[in-house]
C-alpha atoms as a PDB file:
ATOM      1  CA  MET A   1       0.013  -0.081   0.011  1.00  0.00           C
ATOM      2  CA  ALA A   2       1.353   3.392  -1.082  1.00  0.00           C
ATOM      3  CA  SER A   3       1.300   6.188   1.288  1.00  0.00           C
ATOM      4  CA  LYS A   4      -0.837   9.228   0.807  1.00  0.00           C
ATOM      5  CA  LYS A   5       0.750  12.547  -0.088  1.00  0.00           C
ATOM      6  CA  GLU A   6      -1.481  14.283   2.490  1.00  0.00           C
ATOM      7  CA  TYR A   7       0.063  12.307   5.180  1.00  0.00           C
ATOM      8  CA  LEU A   8       3.517  13.338   4.142  1.00  0.00           C
ATOM      9  CA  ASP A   9       2.307  17.023   4.049  1.00  0.00           C
ATOM     10  CA  TYR A  10       1.017  16.519   7.405  1.00  0.00           C
ATOM     11  CA  ILE A  11       4.326  15.203   8.892  1.00  0.00           C
ATOM     12  CA  LEU A  12       6.341  17.914   6.978  1.00  0.00           C
ATOM     13  CA  ASP A  13       4.060  20.607   8.487  1.00  0.00           C
ATOM     14  CA  GLN A  14       4.690  19.126  11.850  1.00  0.00           C
ATOM     15  CA  LEU A  15       8.541  19.414  10.990  1.00  0.00           C
ATOM     16  CA  SER A  16       8.152  22.976   9.652  1.00  0.00           C
ATOM     17  CA  GLY A  17      10.070  24.213  12.560  1.00  0.00           C
ATOM     18  CA  LEU A  18      13.155  22.525  11.456  1.00  0.00           C
ATOM     19  CA  GLU A  19      15.374  23.630   8.595  1.00  0.00           C
ATOM     20  CA  ASP A  20      16.945  21.491   6.086  1.00  0.00           C
ATOM     21  CA  ILE A  21      14.023  18.911   5.798  1.00  0.00           C
ATOM     22  CA  SER A  22      13.628  17.260   2.594  1.00  0.00           C
ATOM     23  CA  TYR A  23      11.982  13.955   1.124  1.00  0.00           C
ATOM     24  CA  ARG A  24      12.426  11.922  -1.810  1.00  0.00           C
ATOM     25  CA  PRO A  25       9.342   9.745  -3.228  1.00  0.00           C
ATOM     26  CA  MET A  26      10.316   6.189  -3.766  1.00  0.00           C
ATOM     27  CA  MET A  27       8.022   3.613  -5.154  1.00  0.00           C
ATOM     28  CA  GLY A  28       4.821   4.981  -3.556  1.00  0.00           C
ATOM     29  CA  GLU A  29       6.582   5.883  -0.227  1.00  0.00           C
ATOM     30  CA  TYR A  30       8.732   8.808   0.898  1.00  0.00           C
ATOM     31  CA  ILE A  31      12.413   8.716   2.250  1.00  0.00           C
ATOM     32  CA  LEU A  32      12.814  11.678   4.893  1.00  0.00           C
ATOM     33  CA  TYR A  33      16.106  13.605   5.110  1.00  0.00           C
ATOM     34  CA  TYR A  34      17.272  15.928   7.887  1.00  0.00           C
ATOM     35  CA  GLN A  35      20.444  17.849   7.574  1.00  0.00           C
ATOM     36  CA  GLY A  36      21.260  15.788   4.520  1.00  0.00           C
ATOM     37  CA  LYS A  37      21.066  12.482   6.561  1.00  0.00           C
ATOM     38  CA  VAL A  38      18.277   9.855   5.835  1.00  0.00           C
ATOM     39  CA  ILE A  39      16.454   9.729   9.282  1.00  0.00           C
ATOM     40  CA  GLY A  40      13.378   7.538   8.234  1.00  0.00           C
ATOM     41  CA  GLY A  41      10.220   7.877   6.008  1.00  0.00           C
ATOM     42  CA  ILE A  42       6.782   7.499   5.479  1.00  0.00           C
ATOM     43  CA  TYR A  43       5.707   3.985   4.785  1.00  0.00           C
ATOM     44  CA  ASP A  44       2.061   2.816   4.568  1.00  0.00           C
ATOM     45  CA  ASP A  45       0.999   6.146   6.089  1.00  0.00           C
ATOM     46  CA  ARG A  46       3.344   5.378   9.123  1.00  0.00           C
ATOM     47  CA  PHE A  47       6.225   7.857  10.139  1.00  0.00           C
ATOM     48  CA  LEU A  48       9.195   5.453  10.924  1.00  0.00           C
ATOM     49  CA  ILE A  49      12.632   6.585  12.193  1.00  0.00           C
ATOM     50  CA  LYS A  50      15.880   4.771  12.458  1.00  0.00           C
ATOM     51  CA  PRO A  51      16.278   3.158  15.567  1.00  0.00           C
ATOM     52  CA  VAL A  52      19.654   4.790  16.733  1.00  0.00           C
ATOM     53  CA  LYS A  53      20.366   4.848  20.593  1.00  0.00           C
ATOM     54  CA  SER A  54      19.057   8.317  21.092  1.00  0.00           C
ATOM     55  CA  VAL A  55      15.978   7.795  19.406  1.00  0.00           C
ATOM     56  CA  ARG A  56      15.438   4.525  21.475  1.00  0.00           C
ATOM     57  CA  ASN A  57      16.114   6.523  24.694  1.00  0.00           C
ATOM     58  CA  LEU A  58      13.427   9.004  23.702  1.00  0.00           C
ATOM     59  CA  MET A  59      10.852   6.401  22.582  1.00  0.00           C
ATOM     60  CA  PRO A  60      11.547   3.365  24.777  1.00  0.00           C
ATOM     61  CA  ASP A  61       8.157   1.760  24.251  1.00  0.00           C
ATOM     62  CA  ALA A  62       7.855   2.374  20.566  1.00  0.00           C
ATOM     63  CA  PRO A  63       7.135  -0.668  18.453  1.00  0.00           C
ATOM     64  CA  TYR A  64       9.612  -1.720  15.885  1.00  0.00           C
ATOM     65  CA  GLU A  65       8.027  -2.078  12.369  1.00  0.00           C
ATOM     66  CA  LEU A  66       9.214  -2.995   8.968  1.00  0.00           C
ATOM     67  CA  PRO A  67       8.825  -0.378   6.436  1.00  0.00           C
ATOM     68  CA  TYR A  68       8.637  -2.905   3.582  1.00  0.00           C
ATOM     69  CA  GLU A  69       9.385  -6.545   3.079  1.00  0.00           C
ATOM     70  CA  GLY A  70      13.214  -7.254   3.345  1.00  0.00           C
ATOM     71  CA  ALA A  71      13.989  -3.975   5.012  1.00  0.00           C
ATOM     72  CA  GLY A  72      15.548  -3.581   8.474  1.00  0.00           C
ATOM     73  CA  LYS A  73      13.079  -2.670  11.438  1.00  0.00           C
ATOM     74  CA  MET A  74      12.506   0.884  12.362  1.00  0.00           C
ATOM     75  CA  LEU A  75      10.657   2.634  15.091  1.00  0.00           C
ATOM     76  CA  LEU A  76       7.122   3.888  14.785  1.00  0.00           C
ATOM     77  CA  VAL A  77       6.700   7.557  15.821  1.00  0.00           C
ATOM     78  CA  GLN A  78       3.354   7.637  17.491  1.00  0.00           C
ATOM     79  CA  GLU A  79       3.514  11.206  18.929  1.00  0.00           C
ATOM     80  CA  THR A  80       3.158  12.850  15.585  1.00  0.00           C
ATOM     81  CA  ASP A  81       0.935  15.630  16.916  1.00  0.00           C
ATOM     82  CA  ASN A  82       3.762  16.919  19.205  1.00  0.00           C
ATOM     83  CA  ARG A  83       5.772  19.186  17.166  1.00  0.00           C
ATOM     84  CA  GLU A  84       8.337  19.993  20.134  1.00  0.00           C
ATOM     85  CA  PHE A  85       8.937  16.220  20.702  1.00  0.00           C
ATOM     86  CA  LEU A  86       9.398  15.587  16.902  1.00  0.00           C
ATOM     87  CA  GLU A  87      11.968  18.359  16.750  1.00  0.00           C
ATOM     88  CA  GLU A  88      13.902  16.907  19.539  1.00  0.00           C
ATOM     89  CA  LEU A  89      13.702  13.287  18.085  1.00  0.00           C
ATOM     90  CA  LEU A  90      14.989  14.456  14.693  1.00  0.00           C
ATOM     91  CA  ASN A  91      17.753  16.452  16.303  1.00  0.00           C
ATOM     92  CA  ALA A  92      18.786  13.484  18.379  1.00  0.00           C
ATOM     93  CA  ALA A  93      18.763  11.162  15.254  1.00  0.00           C
ATOM     94  CA  ALA A  94      20.853  13.710  13.144  1.00  0.00           C
ATOM     95  CA  ALA A  95      23.369  14.067  15.885  1.00  0.00           C
ATOM     96  CA  GLU A  96      23.991  10.307  16.008  1.00  0.00           C
ATOM     97  CA  LEU A  97      23.715   9.356  12.287  1.00  0.00           C
ATOM     98  CA  PRO A  98      26.824   9.421  10.199  1.00  0.00           C
ATOM     99  CA  ALA A  99      27.273  12.000   7.607  1.00  0.00           C
ATOM    100  CA  PRO A 100      26.070  10.958   4.204  1.00  0.00           C
ATOM    101  CA  ALA A 101      28.705   9.117   2.027  1.00  0.00           C
ATOM    102  CA  LYS A 102      30.107  11.026  -0.852  1.00  0.00           C
ATOM    103  CA  ARG A 103      29.213   9.417  -4.083  1.00  0.00           C
ATOM    104  CA  LYS A 104      31.979   8.406  -6.355  1.00  0.00           C
ATOM    105  CA  ARG A 105      31.638   9.465 -10.034  1.00  0.00           C
ATOM    106  CA  ALA A 106      32.275   7.253 -12.817  1.00  0.00           C
ATOM    107  CA  VAL A 107      35.411   7.923 -14.710  1.00  0.00           C
ATOM    108  CA  LYS A 108      35.124   8.033 -18.489  1.00  0.00           C
ATOM    109  CA  LYS A 109      37.984   6.600 -20.574  1.00  0.00           C
END
């Protein structure tokens, strides 16, 4: 089941206090980026976030869920109506996640 654009818009509105939020559509779902880092996404109209230690500490009772078949488990964000909590959550995740890898360009011969 693909996610609805309206749900993505709702989450983006909830995160509007943060700068450098972006997303990329992928196969009916949406990958979310913060500060250039993949922090999670919208999958089947669920906001899932990477389960790094700081996120687990902020949401100790959050259920782990699969974004799609064959993927690693992520944490379900249930407090989507709490903007302050969401900002704290994303800031904590971004501080812990590694910087994005630089892509290598193909060399033409």
